Amino acid sequence: MRSCGIPLDPLVEGIRQNSFSELERTLVVMAEQYRDARMAGDRERQNLCRKEVLVAKQHARLCLKQSRLAPEVAAQKKEMISWMTVWLDNPELFPVWCRLRKKVLFADQATSPLPDR
């Protein structure tokens, strides 16, 4: 479905972890969904948004348990987990925090263990 180019509902697409840019995009969209649900008083949709991020975080943690994981991939997954943790702590603050975090992480591209921007 993703390859056909038709935009998916954020709760259908979920949280993408194949790159930092995809992680950021899907977490920001999910934060918008969460905010809209909160403003509409839709607790069920808010909970569904949180559940999507929690499941993605669990998947990242499972990935870290692989014994053959390259050190740079492990570092990326740990960073991704921290992004999802921040989202879960305060979804509406996440977009601002993410912009600041990227400035810190990617300030020096040559030494960054996180090649995807």
N, C-alpha and C. Protein backbone atom coordinates (compact mmCIF):
# COMPACT_ATOMS: atom_id res chain seq x y z
N MET A 1 0.82 -1.19 0.00
CA MET A 1 0.00 0.00 0.00
C MET A 1 0.87 1.26 0.00
N ARG A 2 1.97 1.23 0.77
CA ARG A 2 2.82 2.42 0.82
C ARG A 2 3.45 2.73 -0.54
N SER A 3 3.76 1.70 -1.31
CA SER A 3 4.45 1.93 -2.58
C SER A 3 3.55 2.52 -3.66
N CYS A 4 2.22 2.49 -3.48
CA CYS A 4 1.32 3.02 -4.50
C CYS A 4 1.27 4.55 -4.48
N GLY A 5 1.77 5.18 -3.42
CA GLY A 5 1.83 6.63 -3.37
C GLY A 5 0.59 7.30 -2.81
N ILE A 6 -0.42 6.53 -2.48
CA ILE A 6 -1.64 7.11 -1.91
C ILE A 6 -1.38 7.35 -0.42
N PRO A 7 -1.64 8.58 0.05
CA PRO A 7 -1.42 8.86 1.47
C PRO A 7 -2.30 7.97 2.36
N LEU A 8 -1.69 7.44 3.39
CA LEU A 8 -2.41 6.59 4.33
C LEU A 8 -2.77 7.38 5.58
N ASP A 9 -3.83 6.99 6.23
CA ASP A 9 -4.17 7.56 7.53
C ASP A 9 -2.98 7.27 8.45
N PRO A 10 -2.56 8.23 9.26
CA PRO A 10 -1.41 8.01 10.14
C PRO A 10 -1.54 6.77 11.03
N LEU A 11 -2.74 6.44 11.45
CA LEU A 11 -2.90 5.26 12.29
C LEU A 11 -2.78 3.98 11.48
N VAL A 12 -2.94 4.06 10.18
CA VAL A 12 -2.73 2.90 9.32
C VAL A 12 -1.25 2.79 8.97
N GLU A 13 -0.62 3.92 8.64
CA GLU A 13 0.80 3.91 8.28
C GLU A 13 1.67 3.56 9.47
N GLY A 14 1.33 4.05 10.64
CA GLY A 14 2.11 3.78 11.83
C GLY A 14 3.38 4.62 11.88
N ILE A 15 4.32 4.16 12.67
CA ILE A 15 5.59 4.86 12.85
C ILE A 15 6.66 4.13 12.05
N ARG A 16 7.25 4.83 11.10
CA ARG A 16 8.25 4.26 10.20
C ARG A 16 9.64 4.45 10.81
N GLN A 17 10.42 3.38 10.85
CA GLN A 17 11.74 3.43 11.46
C GLN A 17 12.86 3.08 10.49
N ASN A 18 12.60 3.14 9.20
CA ASN A 18 13.63 2.77 8.24
C ASN A 18 14.68 3.87 8.06
N SER A 19 14.38 5.08 8.53
CA SER A 19 15.35 6.18 8.49
C SER A 19 14.93 7.23 9.51
N PHE A 20 15.85 8.11 9.86
CA PHE A 20 15.51 9.18 10.79
C PHE A 20 14.50 10.15 10.18
N SER A 21 14.60 10.39 8.89
CA SER A 21 13.65 11.31 8.25
C SER A 21 12.24 10.72 8.27
N GLU A 22 12.13 9.42 8.03
CA GLU A 22 10.81 8.77 8.09
C GLU A 22 10.28 8.72 9.52
N LEU A 23 11.17 8.45 10.46
CA LEU A 23 10.76 8.44 11.87
C LEU A 23 10.24 9.82 12.27
N GLU A 24 10.99 10.85 11.91
CA GLU A 24 10.56 12.20 12.23
C GLU A 24 9.21 12.52 11.58
N ARG A 25 9.09 12.24 10.30
CA ARG A 25 7.86 12.55 9.57
C ARG A 25 6.65 11.87 10.22
N THR A 26 6.77 10.58 10.52
CA THR A 26 5.62 9.87 11.05
C THR A 26 5.32 10.26 12.51
N LEU A 27 6.35 10.56 13.29
CA LEU A 27 6.11 11.02 14.66
C LEU A 27 5.47 12.41 14.68
N VAL A 28 5.89 13.29 13.78
CA VAL A 28 5.31 14.63 13.72
C VAL A 28 3.84 14.53 13.29
N VAL A 29 3.56 13.71 12.29
CA VAL A 29 2.17 13.54 11.84
C VAL A 29 1.33 12.94 12.97
N MET A 30 1.91 11.98 13.69
CA MET A 30 1.17 11.37 14.80
C MET A 30 0.94 12.38 15.92
N ALA A 31 1.89 13.28 16.14
CA ALA A 31 1.72 14.34 17.14
C ALA A 31 0.57 15.26 16.73
N GLU A 32 0.47 15.56 15.45
CA GLU A 32 -0.64 16.39 14.96
C GLU A 32 -1.97 15.67 15.17
N GLN A 33 -1.99 14.38 14.89
CA GLN A 33 -3.21 13.59 15.10
C GLN A 33 -3.59 13.58 16.58
N TYR A 34 -2.59 13.42 17.43
CA TYR A 34 -2.81 13.40 18.87
C TYR A 34 -3.39 14.74 19.34
N ARG A 35 -2.78 15.83 18.88
CA ARG A 35 -3.25 17.18 19.24
C ARG A 35 -4.69 17.40 18.78
N ASP A 36 -4.98 17.03 17.53
CA ASP A 36 -6.33 17.21 17.00
C ASP A 36 -7.34 16.39 17.80
N ALA A 37 -6.97 15.17 18.16
CA ALA A 37 -7.86 14.32 18.95
C ALA A 37 -8.09 14.92 20.34
N ARG A 38 -7.01 15.46 20.93
CA ARG A 38 -7.14 16.09 22.26
C ARG A 38 -8.09 17.28 22.19
N MET A 39 -7.90 18.10 21.16
CA MET A 39 -8.74 19.29 21.02
C MET A 39 -10.21 18.93 20.76
N ALA A 40 -10.44 17.79 20.12
CA ALA A 40 -11.80 17.34 19.83
C ALA A 40 -12.38 16.51 20.98
N GLY A 41 -11.56 16.28 22.00
CA GLY A 41 -12.03 15.47 23.13
C GLY A 41 -12.15 13.99 22.79
N ASP A 42 -11.41 13.54 21.79
CA ASP A 42 -11.46 12.15 21.33
C ASP A 42 -10.36 11.33 22.02
N ARG A 43 -10.65 10.88 23.24
CA ARG A 43 -9.66 10.13 24.02
C ARG A 43 -9.29 8.81 23.36
N GLU A 44 -10.24 8.20 22.67
CA GLU A 44 -9.96 6.93 22.01
C GLU A 44 -8.87 7.10 20.93
N ARG A 45 -9.00 8.15 20.12
CA ARG A 45 -7.99 8.39 19.08
C ARG A 45 -6.65 8.79 19.71
N GLN A 46 -6.67 9.56 20.79
CA GLN A 46 -5.43 9.89 21.49
C GLN A 46 -4.73 8.60 21.94
N ASN A 47 -5.49 7.70 22.52
CA ASN A 47 -4.92 6.44 22.99
C ASN A 47 -4.38 5.60 21.84
N LEU A 48 -5.07 5.63 20.69
CA LEU A 48 -4.58 4.89 19.52
C LEU A 48 -3.25 5.47 19.03
N CYS A 49 -3.13 6.79 19.05
CA CYS A 49 -1.86 7.43 18.66
C CYS A 49 -0.73 6.98 19.58
N ARG A 50 -0.98 7.02 20.88
CA ARG A 50 0.03 6.59 21.85
C ARG A 50 0.39 5.13 21.65
N LYS A 51 -0.61 4.31 21.38
CA LYS A 51 -0.36 2.88 21.19
C LYS A 51 0.54 2.64 19.99
N GLU A 52 0.35 3.38 18.91
CA GLU A 52 1.21 3.23 17.73
C GLU A 52 2.67 3.51 18.07
N VAL A 53 2.90 4.56 18.85
CA VAL A 53 4.28 4.91 19.22
C VAL A 53 4.85 3.88 20.19
N LEU A 54 4.03 3.42 21.12
CA LEU A 54 4.50 2.39 22.07
C LEU A 54 4.89 1.11 21.34
N VAL A 55 4.09 0.69 20.39
CA VAL A 55 4.40 -0.53 19.62
C VAL A 55 5.69 -0.35 18.83
N ALA A 56 5.85 0.81 18.20
CA ALA A 56 7.08 1.09 17.44
C ALA A 56 8.30 1.05 18.36
N LYS A 57 8.15 1.60 19.55
CA LYS A 57 9.26 1.60 20.51
C LYS A 57 9.59 0.17 20.94
N GLN A 58 8.58 -0.66 21.12
CA GLN A 58 8.81 -2.07 21.47
C GLN A 58 9.55 -2.78 20.34
N HIS A 59 9.17 -2.49 19.09
CA HIS A 59 9.85 -3.11 17.95
C HIS A 59 11.32 -2.70 17.90
N ALA A 60 11.59 -1.44 18.18
CA ALA A 60 12.98 -0.97 18.18
C ALA A 60 13.77 -1.66 19.29
N ARG A 61 13.17 -1.84 20.43
CA ARG A 61 13.86 -2.52 21.54
C ARG A 61 14.14 -3.98 21.18
N LEU A 62 13.19 -4.63 20.52
CA LEU A 62 13.41 -6.01 20.08
C LEU A 62 14.56 -6.09 19.08
N CYS A 63 14.64 -5.13 18.21
CA CYS A 63 15.72 -5.07 17.23
C CYS A 63 17.08 -4.98 17.94
N LEU A 64 17.13 -4.21 19.01
CA LEU A 64 18.38 -4.05 19.76
C LEU A 64 18.87 -5.35 20.38
N LYS A 65 17.98 -6.28 20.61
CA LYS A 65 18.35 -7.54 21.25
C LYS A 65 19.03 -8.52 20.29
N GLN A 66 19.05 -8.19 19.01
CA GLN A 66 19.70 -9.07 18.04
C GLN A 66 21.21 -9.08 18.28
N SER A 67 21.77 -10.27 18.38
CA SER A 67 23.20 -10.37 18.70
C SER A 67 24.10 -9.95 17.54
N ARG A 68 23.63 -10.00 16.33
CA ARG A 68 24.46 -9.67 15.17
C ARG A 68 24.26 -8.24 14.68
N LEU A 69 23.70 -7.42 15.49
CA LEU A 69 23.43 -6.04 15.11
C LEU A 69 24.73 -5.24 15.08
N ALA A 70 24.98 -4.58 13.96
CA ALA A 70 26.19 -3.75 13.84
C ALA A 70 26.12 -2.61 14.85
N PRO A 71 27.27 -2.20 15.38
CA PRO A 71 27.29 -1.12 16.39
C PRO A 71 26.62 0.16 15.92
N GLU A 72 26.82 0.54 14.66
CA GLU A 72 26.20 1.78 14.17
C GLU A 72 24.68 1.64 14.08
N VAL A 73 24.19 0.45 13.75
CA VAL A 73 22.74 0.23 13.70
C VAL A 73 22.17 0.27 15.12
N ALA A 74 22.89 -0.31 16.06
CA ALA A 74 22.45 -0.28 17.46
C ALA A 74 22.39 1.16 17.97
N ALA A 75 23.37 1.98 17.60
CA ALA A 75 23.36 3.39 18.01
C ALA A 75 22.16 4.11 17.41
N GLN A 76 21.85 3.83 16.17
CA GLN A 76 20.70 4.46 15.53
C GLN A 76 19.40 4.05 16.22
N LYS A 77 19.26 2.75 16.53
CA LYS A 77 18.03 2.27 17.18
C LYS A 77 17.89 2.89 18.57
N LYS A 78 19.00 3.03 19.29
CA LYS A 78 18.94 3.65 20.62
C LYS A 78 18.48 5.11 20.50
N GLU A 79 19.00 5.80 19.51
CA GLU A 79 18.58 7.19 19.30
C GLU A 79 17.10 7.24 18.92
N MET A 80 16.66 6.34 18.07
CA MET A 80 15.25 6.30 17.67
C MET A 80 14.35 6.04 18.88
N ILE A 81 14.79 5.16 19.76
CA ILE A 81 14.03 4.88 20.98
C ILE A 81 13.91 6.15 21.82
N SER A 82 14.99 6.92 21.90
CA SER A 82 14.93 8.16 22.68
C SER A 82 13.94 9.14 22.05
N TRP A 83 13.86 9.19 20.72
CA TRP A 83 12.90 10.07 20.06
C TRP A 83 11.47 9.66 20.43
N MET A 84 11.22 8.36 20.40
CA MET A 84 9.86 7.89 20.72
C MET A 84 9.54 8.11 22.20
N THR A 85 10.55 8.02 23.05
CA THR A 85 10.35 8.29 24.48
C THR A 85 9.96 9.74 24.69
N VAL A 86 10.63 10.64 24.00
CA VAL A 86 10.28 12.07 24.10
C VAL A 86 8.85 12.27 23.60
N TRP A 87 8.50 11.64 22.49
CA TRP A 87 7.14 11.76 21.95
C TRP A 87 6.13 11.31 23.00
N LEU A 88 6.39 10.17 23.63
CA LEU A 88 5.45 9.64 24.62
C LEU A 88 5.35 10.54 25.84
N ASP A 89 6.43 11.21 26.20
CA ASP A 89 6.41 12.13 27.34
C ASP A 89 5.60 13.38 27.03
N ASN A 90 5.73 13.89 25.79
CA ASN A 90 5.01 15.11 25.42
C ASN A 90 4.89 15.20 23.89
N PRO A 91 3.84 14.58 23.33
CA PRO A 91 3.70 14.54 21.87
C PRO A 91 3.68 15.92 21.21
N GLU A 92 3.09 16.88 21.86
CA GLU A 92 2.96 18.20 21.24
C GLU A 92 4.27 18.98 21.25
N LEU A 93 5.18 18.64 22.13
CA LEU A 93 6.50 19.27 22.17
C LEU A 93 7.47 18.60 21.21
N PHE A 94 7.17 17.37 20.81
CA PHE A 94 8.11 16.60 20.01
C PHE A 94 8.64 17.32 18.77
N PRO A 95 7.81 17.95 17.92
CA PRO A 95 8.36 18.58 16.71
C PRO A 95 9.45 19.61 17.00
N VAL A 96 9.27 20.42 18.03
CA VAL A 96 10.28 21.42 18.39
C VAL A 96 11.53 20.73 18.92
N TRP A 97 11.33 19.77 19.82
CA TRP A 97 12.47 19.03 20.38
C TRP A 97 13.26 18.35 19.26
N CYS A 98 12.57 17.77 18.30
CA CYS A 98 13.23 17.05 17.22
C CYS A 98 14.11 17.98 16.38
N ARG A 99 13.61 19.15 16.07
CA ARG A 99 14.42 20.12 15.31
C ARG A 99 15.70 20.45 16.06
N LEU A 100 15.59 20.67 17.36
CA LEU A 100 16.76 20.99 18.18
C LEU A 100 17.71 19.79 18.28
N ARG A 101 17.14 18.62 18.45
CA ARG A 101 17.96 17.40 18.57
C ARG A 101 18.76 17.14 17.30
N LYS A 102 18.13 17.34 16.15
CA LYS A 102 18.82 17.13 14.88
C LYS A 102 19.99 18.10 14.72
N LYS A 103 19.83 19.32 15.20
CA LYS A 103 20.93 20.29 15.13
C LYS A 103 22.13 19.79 15.93
N VAL A 104 21.86 19.20 17.07
CA VAL A 104 22.93 18.66 17.91
C VAL A 104 23.55 17.43 17.25
N LEU A 105 22.72 16.51 16.80
CA LEU A 105 23.22 15.25 16.24
C LEU A 105 23.98 15.44 14.94
N PHE A 106 23.49 16.32 14.11
CA PHE A 106 24.04 16.43 12.77
C PHE A 106 24.88 17.69 12.57
N ALA A 107 25.30 18.30 13.66
CA ALA A 107 26.12 19.51 13.57
C ALA A 107 27.44 19.21 12.86
N ASP A 108 27.98 18.05 13.15
CA ASP A 108 29.22 17.64 12.50
C ASP A 108 28.97 16.31 11.80
N GLN A 109 28.59 16.37 10.54
CA GLN A 109 28.24 15.17 9.78
C GLN A 109 29.34 14.12 9.77
N ALA A 110 30.56 14.55 9.76
CA ALA A 110 31.68 13.62 9.63
C ALA A 110 31.80 12.70 10.84
N THR A 111 31.43 13.16 12.02
CA THR A 111 31.59 12.35 13.22
C THR A 111 30.29 11.77 13.73
N SER A 112 29.19 12.07 13.08
CA SER A 112 27.89 11.60 13.55
C SER A 112 27.72 10.11 13.30
N PRO A 113 27.30 9.32 14.32
CA PRO A 113 27.02 7.90 14.12
C PRO A 113 25.66 7.69 13.45
N LEU A 114 24.97 8.76 13.12
CA LEU A 114 23.63 8.69 12.59
C LEU A 114 23.61 9.30 11.18
N PRO A 115 23.93 8.50 10.17
CA PRO A 115 24.11 9.05 8.84
C PRO A 115 22.85 9.59 8.18
N ASP A 116 21.70 9.08 8.49
CA ASP A 116 20.48 9.56 7.85
C ASP A 116 20.02 10.87 8.44
N ARG A 117 19.73 11.85 7.60
CA ARG A 117 19.22 13.11 8.09
C ARG A 117 17.91 13.30 7.47
